[in-house]
Every structure is written in structure tokens, then in C-alpha cells.
Amino acid sequence: MVNCLERLAAGERLYCDGAMGTFLQAKGLQPGECPELWCVTHAADVQDIHRQYRAAGSSIVECNSFGGTHYKLTHYGLAERVAELNRAAAAIARAVAGQDQHVLGSMGPTGELPEPYGEATEAALYEAFREQAVALAEGGADMVIVETMSSVEEAAAAVRAVREHTPLIVVASFTFNPLPNGSFRTMMGVTPERMAEAMLEAGAHILGANCGTGMAPMIEIIRRLRAAAPSTPLMAMANAGMPVVEHGQTVFKETPAQMAALAPALAEAGATIIGGCCGTGPAHIAALRQALTGR
């Protein structure tokens, strides 16, 4: 199989899945349940989600492994099942991707504050991400996304752990919030420019942004990442707009057509991999791809 970096270098644009969590909830995931456990207990449901995104045009299947570190799984009493659950997540995705498309292991924040802001040591974070990454590779992933990050220290530990213990291609993706002065920063105060510098130094192959914003702000974030890293592939995975609460429910109201209308500007800003985050579904991915390919 031609790897992702080779396809991007040849000028191809790739498309990733949309949201996983909201899809799992629609299939019956209850508050307080562990999403990653569904890779074992409801494998057919997880696989169906992947299939629907593939049918919509995704070329990268993202694993249901966002909270797969022992830090997150400890909350569910599943800390001893890190390897099992991450292998299962990757295997389910690989079964859908086949051998002609890519499997992207998802590695989200641990929820711990790294030193010097909190008590999580760099070594402990590194080990948690190493354990997860190795299992994703064993399950069939060929890429991994260190995503929804806000701390350079935590993300760098994750990127190094993946690079030093697996052959996986690494995407480093942060969540940036727009500020009134027109700038963008993470919750930990990291700018797109600082993120790009630190993640490339840590060894990331691809840079990106996900969550936190809808399509319009994402365009400017990608533009700033492109200026900071002119030759690095960029991934953009926007929410379907900003969340609003209606009748006690959190909803994302940006329609597939609205997101698709901004897709050309996102591509022009520098995005070479495009997918969706919170609130997006197969219809959003199909619309984004059609806007950029005509099919």
C-alpha cells in the first residue's frame, strides 16, 4: 500500500472520517459508558460507523480509540485493557479500510496536567502514549493522530513515543480557540506558530487542527500553520459549527452544505487532509469531498 505521505507528496488530497462520539450515542452509548469498550462489546456498531464514512468518501478510517490511554481507561476500571481495546479499535478500522486505504489511530489527551503545571511527569505521559501506540500498530493502524491537544509538553511526549516505538506516520493536531484580537491559542496559551515549531521538533510528519471551531475560523488556523510550516502536510477537522444548547441537548448546526461552501477556501489555505470533528457525520464528509472533487 502506498503510504499517506507518498500520496500527499504526489498531490492527492485525502479525506478523513467525521465525529465518532455523537454517532456512538445515536447507536445507544449511554452517559458514563466507555466508548472504547464498544470496540469489544459492540464491534459491529463501531464497524458500521466506519463503513458509513467510507461510503461517504473517506480515505482515512479513524479508530474509536480517543480515550485509550490507561489514564482515561482507569476511570472505567479498564486500565489493564489498554492493549486489548486499542488493538481491537485498529482491527475494526482495518477491516473496513482494507489494504488500499489508511487506518488512523486516535490518541487524545490524558486529562492530566503535565509538569510544571500539574503532577504528570513527562516520563509517565510518554509511557502511557507508548503503550497505546504500540497496540494501535499491532491492530493494523498505519497512522496515528495525537489530537485535541492544548499542551506542547503532553503532545510532544506522545509524538516522541509513537516515533520511537512504532513505524506509524504521526499527525499532531491541536485545538485552538479564537480570541477577540483575532489570534488563536489553545487552553494552555499555545499559538499555531509555537505548536508547529514544537511538533516538528518532536518528530510529527503532519500538523493539524481539530475541534473547537467551525469551518470559518479553521481556515485562518490552517493559513497560519501553512505560514509556519510551508512544506508540511496539514490536516483540518472542524466542528459542524459551534455547539449550542437546545431543549437541554448540545447540537451543532452547521449543515453539510454550509461546511462544503467553505471547503475550497480551506483547501486554498493549505489543508491537504480534510475531515470533520464534533457534530459532523457522513453527509458532511460527502459534501466536503464533492465540493473539492465534484464527486
Protein backbone atom coordinates (compact mmCIF):
# COMPACT_ATOMS: atom_id res chain seq x y z
CA MET A 1 0.00 0.00 0.00
CA VAL A 2 1.25 3.48 -0.85
CA ASN A 3 1.62 5.35 2.42
CA CYS A 4 -0.18 8.56 3.26
CA LEU A 5 2.88 10.80 2.93
CA GLU A 6 3.61 9.45 -0.55
CA ARG A 7 0.05 10.09 -1.66
CA LEU A 8 0.15 13.64 -0.33
CA ALA A 9 3.54 14.29 -1.93
CA ALA A 10 2.05 13.19 -5.25
CA GLY A 11 -0.56 15.93 -4.93
CA GLU A 12 -3.52 13.85 -3.74
CA ARG A 13 -5.94 15.31 -1.19
CA LEU A 14 -7.19 12.82 1.40
CA TYR A 15 -10.42 12.75 3.39
CA CYS A 16 -10.91 11.54 6.94
CA ASP A 17 -13.96 10.48 8.95
CA GLY A 18 -16.22 12.79 10.92
CA ALA A 19 -17.33 12.58 14.54
CA MET A 20 -17.33 9.27 16.42
CA GLY A 21 -18.79 10.15 19.84
CA THR A 22 -22.11 11.55 18.66
CA PHE A 23 -22.50 8.57 16.31
CA LEU A 24 -21.92 6.14 19.18
CA GLN A 25 -24.50 7.98 21.28
CA ALA A 26 -27.01 7.67 18.44
CA LYS A 27 -26.37 3.92 18.48
CA GLY A 28 -27.04 3.70 22.20
CA LEU A 29 -23.87 4.63 24.09
CA GLN A 30 -25.05 5.80 27.50
CA PRO A 31 -23.61 8.57 29.70
CA GLY A 32 -20.85 7.09 31.81
CA GLU A 33 -20.12 4.23 29.39
CA CYS A 34 -16.64 3.80 27.97
CA PRO A 35 -16.66 4.48 24.19
CA GLU A 36 -13.51 2.44 23.61
CA LEU A 37 -15.05 -0.63 25.27
CA TRP A 38 -17.57 -0.72 22.42
CA CYS A 39 -14.72 -1.94 20.19
CA VAL A 40 -15.14 -5.26 22.04
CA THR A 41 -18.77 -5.27 23.22
CA HIS A 42 -20.37 -3.60 20.16
CA ALA A 43 -17.79 -4.17 17.45
CA ALA A 44 -20.41 -4.41 14.69
CA ASP A 45 -21.80 -0.98 15.60
CA VAL A 46 -18.36 0.62 15.53
CA GLN A 47 -17.61 -1.06 12.22
CA ASP A 48 -20.89 0.22 10.78
CA ILE A 49 -19.87 3.79 11.64
CA HIS A 50 -16.60 3.30 9.78
CA ARG A 51 -18.45 1.81 6.81
CA GLN A 52 -20.81 4.77 6.58
CA TYR A 53 -17.88 7.20 6.48
CA ARG A 54 -16.12 5.08 3.85
CA ALA A 55 -19.29 5.09 1.76
CA ALA A 56 -19.33 8.88 2.10
CA GLY A 57 -15.84 9.08 0.60
CA SER A 58 -13.34 8.95 3.44
CA SER A 59 -9.91 7.58 2.56
CA ILE A 60 -8.67 7.53 6.17
CA VAL A 61 -10.60 5.48 8.75
CA GLU A 62 -10.15 6.90 12.25
CA CYS A 63 -10.18 4.45 15.15
CA ASN A 64 -12.50 4.57 18.14
CA SER A 65 -9.53 4.95 20.47
CA PHE A 66 -9.53 8.62 21.51
CA GLY A 67 -9.59 7.85 25.24
CA GLY A 68 -7.43 4.74 25.00
CA THR A 69 -4.62 5.61 27.42
CA HIS A 70 -4.53 3.97 30.83
CA TYR A 71 -5.21 7.40 32.35
CA LYS A 72 -8.63 7.61 30.70
CA LEU A 73 -9.47 3.93 30.94
CA THR A 74 -8.78 3.97 34.69
CA HIS A 75 -12.00 5.96 35.14
CA TYR A 76 -13.92 2.93 33.87
CA GLY A 77 -11.86 0.32 35.72
CA LEU A 78 -10.27 -0.75 32.43
CA ALA A 79 -6.65 0.29 32.91
CA GLU A 80 -5.46 -3.28 32.39
CA ARG A 81 -7.15 -3.50 28.97
CA VAL A 82 -5.24 -0.76 27.12
CA ALA A 83 -3.59 -3.14 24.67
CA GLU A 84 -6.75 -5.17 24.06
CA LEU A 85 -9.02 -2.20 23.39
CA ASN A 86 -6.61 -0.32 21.16
CA ARG A 87 -5.78 -3.42 19.13
CA ALA A 88 -9.49 -4.04 18.68
CA ALA A 89 -10.12 -0.43 17.62
CA ALA A 90 -7.44 -0.63 14.93
CA ALA A 91 -8.51 -4.08 13.75
CA ILE A 92 -12.11 -2.96 13.27
CA ALA A 93 -10.98 0.05 11.27
CA ARG A 94 -8.57 -2.04 9.18
CA ALA A 95 -11.35 -4.44 8.27
CA VAL A 96 -13.22 -1.52 6.71
CA ALA A 97 -10.22 0.28 5.22
CA GLY A 98 -8.90 -2.84 3.53
CA GLN A 99 -5.39 -2.65 2.14
CA ASP A 100 -5.95 0.33 -0.16
CA GLN A 101 -6.82 2.99 2.43
CA HIS A 102 -5.46 4.13 5.77
CA VAL A 103 -6.21 3.46 9.44
CA LEU A 104 -5.67 6.41 11.75
CA GLY A 105 -5.30 5.60 15.44
CA SER A 106 -6.76 8.34 17.63
CA MET A 107 -4.78 9.39 20.71
CA GLY A 108 -6.45 12.08 22.79
CA PRO A 109 -5.31 13.97 25.89
CA THR A 110 -4.82 12.04 29.10
CA GLY A 111 -6.73 14.60 31.14
CA GLU A 112 -3.66 15.11 33.32
CA LEU A 113 -1.74 18.38 33.58
CA PRO A 114 1.92 17.89 32.69
CA GLU A 115 4.73 19.30 34.79
CA PRO A 116 5.30 22.12 35.62
CA TYR A 117 1.55 22.87 35.51
CA GLY A 118 0.49 19.64 37.21
CA GLU A 119 1.80 16.35 38.56
CA ALA A 120 2.05 14.22 35.41
CA THR A 121 5.70 13.66 34.60
CA GLU A 122 6.98 13.60 31.04
CA ALA A 123 8.15 10.01 31.55
CA ALA A 124 4.70 8.87 32.73
CA LEU A 125 2.91 10.53 29.83
CA TYR A 126 5.43 9.09 27.38
CA GLU A 127 4.87 5.58 28.71
CA ALA A 128 1.07 5.91 28.53
CA PHE A 129 1.20 7.01 24.91
CA ARG A 130 3.82 4.37 24.05
CA GLU A 131 1.55 1.62 25.36
CA GLN A 132 -1.38 2.91 23.32
CA ALA A 133 0.59 3.50 20.12
CA VAL A 134 2.19 0.05 20.11
CA ALA A 135 -1.24 -1.58 20.46
CA LEU A 136 -2.70 0.52 17.64
CA ALA A 137 0.17 -0.51 15.37
CA GLU A 138 -0.32 -4.17 16.32
CA GLY A 139 -4.01 -3.88 15.46
CA GLY A 140 -3.36 -2.61 11.96
CA ALA A 141 -3.05 1.18 12.09
CA ASP A 142 -0.57 2.80 9.73
CA MET A 143 -1.07 6.34 11.05
CA VAL A 144 -1.88 7.95 14.38
CA ILE A 145 -3.30 11.35 15.28
CA VAL A 146 -2.29 12.94 18.57
CA GLU A 147 -5.39 15.10 18.69
CA THR A 148 -7.37 17.74 20.56
CA MET A 149 -4.17 18.75 22.31
CA SER A 150 -3.56 22.01 24.13
CA SER A 151 -0.20 21.39 25.82
CA VAL A 152 3.08 21.29 23.93
CA GLU A 153 4.62 19.13 26.66
CA GLU A 154 1.94 16.43 26.55
CA ALA A 155 1.69 16.37 22.76
CA ALA A 156 5.47 16.22 22.35
CA ALA A 157 5.65 13.24 24.71
CA ALA A 158 3.00 11.49 22.62
CA VAL A 159 4.68 12.23 19.29
CA ARG A 160 8.07 11.04 20.54
CA ALA A 161 6.54 7.86 21.99
CA VAL A 162 4.96 7.00 18.65
CA ARG A 163 8.04 7.81 16.59
CA GLU A 164 10.45 5.92 18.85
CA HIS A 165 8.41 2.72 19.25
CA THR A 166 6.34 2.29 16.06
CA PRO A 167 6.59 2.87 12.30
CA LEU A 168 3.35 4.89 12.33
CA ILE A 169 3.00 8.19 10.49
CA VAL A 170 2.20 10.84 13.11
CA VAL A 171 -0.29 13.70 12.87
CA ALA A 172 -0.09 16.28 15.68
CA SER A 173 -3.38 18.18 15.98
CA PHE A 174 -4.20 20.91 18.50
CA THR A 175 -7.46 22.63 19.39
CA PHE A 176 -7.25 26.41 19.01
CA ASN A 177 -9.75 28.93 20.31
CA PRO A 178 -10.33 32.27 18.52
CA LEU A 179 -9.65 35.33 20.67
CA PRO A 180 -11.25 38.79 20.35
CA ASN A 181 -8.00 40.27 18.98
CA GLY A 182 -8.06 37.87 16.04
CA SER A 183 -5.38 35.50 17.36
CA PHE A 184 -5.73 31.81 18.19
CA ARG A 185 -4.48 29.97 21.25
CA THR A 186 -5.08 26.68 22.99
CA MET A 187 -6.34 26.48 26.57
CA MET A 188 -2.68 26.36 27.59
CA GLY A 189 -1.86 29.50 25.61
CA VAL A 190 -0.14 27.83 22.65
CA THR A 191 -0.29 29.62 19.29
CA PRO A 192 -0.40 27.81 15.93
CA GLU A 193 3.13 29.02 15.24
CA ARG A 194 4.50 27.68 18.52
CA MET A 195 2.66 24.41 18.03
CA ALA A 196 4.13 23.93 14.56
CA GLU A 197 7.67 24.56 15.77
CA ALA A 198 7.38 22.22 18.77
CA MET A 199 5.62 19.37 16.98
CA LEU A 200 8.03 19.32 14.05
CA GLU A 201 10.89 19.29 16.53
CA ALA A 202 9.26 16.33 18.32
CA GLY A 203 9.01 14.44 15.02
CA ALA A 204 5.47 14.90 13.70
CA HIS A 205 5.04 14.17 9.99
CA ILE A 206 1.75 16.10 9.62
CA LEU A 207 0.35 19.07 11.51
CA GLY A 208 -3.30 19.86 12.05
CA ALA A 209 -6.14 21.39 13.99
CA ASN A 210 -9.37 19.81 15.15
CA CYS A 211 -12.40 20.64 17.25
CA GLY A 212 -13.00 23.96 18.98
CA THR A 213 -14.23 25.88 15.94
CA GLY A 214 -16.35 25.68 12.83
CA MET A 215 -15.07 25.96 9.28
CA ALA A 216 -14.55 29.72 9.03
CA PRO A 217 -12.05 30.04 11.92
CA MET A 218 -10.40 26.78 10.83
CA ILE A 219 -9.46 28.40 7.53
CA GLU A 220 -7.42 31.06 9.33
CA ILE A 221 -5.82 28.50 11.67
CA ILE A 222 -4.69 26.42 8.70
CA ARG A 223 -3.41 29.53 6.96
CA ARG A 224 -1.22 30.29 9.98
CA LEU A 225 0.04 26.72 10.20
CA ARG A 226 0.90 26.84 6.50
CA ALA A 227 2.91 30.03 7.00
CA ALA A 228 4.74 28.42 9.93
CA ALA A 229 5.37 25.11 8.13
CA PRO A 230 5.38 25.76 4.36
CA SER A 231 6.25 22.22 3.26
CA THR A 232 4.42 20.13 5.88
CA PRO A 233 1.11 18.36 5.10
CA LEU A 234 -1.78 19.85 7.07
CA MET A 235 -4.97 18.24 8.39
CA ALA A 236 -8.14 20.21 9.17
CA MET A 237 -11.05 18.68 11.10
CA ALA A 238 -13.56 21.38 12.04
CA ASN A 239 -16.71 21.02 14.09
CA ALA A 240 -20.09 21.47 12.44
CA GLY A 241 -20.11 24.98 13.87
CA MET A 242 -20.01 25.99 17.50
CA PRO A 243 -22.18 23.99 19.92
CA VAL A 244 -25.48 25.41 21.09
CA VAL A 245 -27.88 24.04 23.69
CA GLU A 246 -31.44 23.45 22.54
CA HIS A 247 -34.03 21.77 24.77
CA GLY A 248 -31.26 20.61 27.06
CA GLN A 249 -29.29 19.00 24.24
CA THR A 250 -25.97 20.13 22.76
CA VAL A 251 -26.29 20.43 18.99
CA PHE A 252 -24.03 21.50 16.13
CA LYS A 253 -25.99 23.32 13.46
CA GLU A 254 -23.57 23.82 10.57
CA THR A 255 -25.06 21.83 7.72
CA PRO A 256 -23.14 19.76 5.17
CA ALA A 257 -23.87 22.41 2.54
CA GLN A 258 -22.60 25.21 4.78
CA MET A 259 -19.38 23.37 5.54
CA ALA A 260 -18.91 22.40 1.90
CA ALA A 261 -19.26 26.02 0.78
CA LEU A 262 -16.09 26.84 2.73
CA ALA A 263 -14.14 23.75 1.67
CA PRO A 264 -12.40 25.44 -1.31
CA ALA A 265 -11.11 28.21 0.95
CA LEU A 266 -9.88 25.63 3.46
CA ALA A 267 -8.00 23.79 0.72
CA GLU A 268 -6.57 27.04 -0.61
CA ALA A 269 -5.34 27.91 2.89
CA GLY A 270 -3.26 24.73 2.82
CA ALA A 271 -5.31 21.79 4.12
CA THR A 272 -4.24 18.57 2.40
CA ILE A 273 -6.27 16.21 4.61
CA ILE A 274 -9.84 17.23 5.41
CA GLY A 275 -12.31 15.59 7.78
CA GLY A 276 -14.75 16.55 10.50
CA CYS A 277 -14.96 16.69 14.27
CA CYS A 278 -17.87 17.21 16.68
CA GLY A 279 -21.29 17.31 15.06
CA THR A 280 -20.18 16.11 11.64
CA GLY A 281 -21.42 12.93 10.03
CA PRO A 282 -21.19 11.03 6.76
CA ALA A 283 -23.25 13.67 4.95
CA HIS A 284 -20.70 16.33 5.92
CA ILE A 285 -17.79 14.25 4.66
CA ALA A 286 -19.59 13.50 1.40
CA ALA A 287 -20.37 17.19 0.89
CA LEU A 288 -16.79 18.27 1.63
CA ARG A 289 -15.40 15.75 -0.83
CA GLN A 290 -17.92 16.63 -3.52
CA ALA A 291 -17.13 20.33 -3.14
CA LEU A 292 -13.47 19.66 -3.84
CA THR A 293 -13.62 16.79 -6.32
CA GLY A 294 -17.02 17.08 -7.95
CA ARG A 295 -17.85 13.50 -6.97
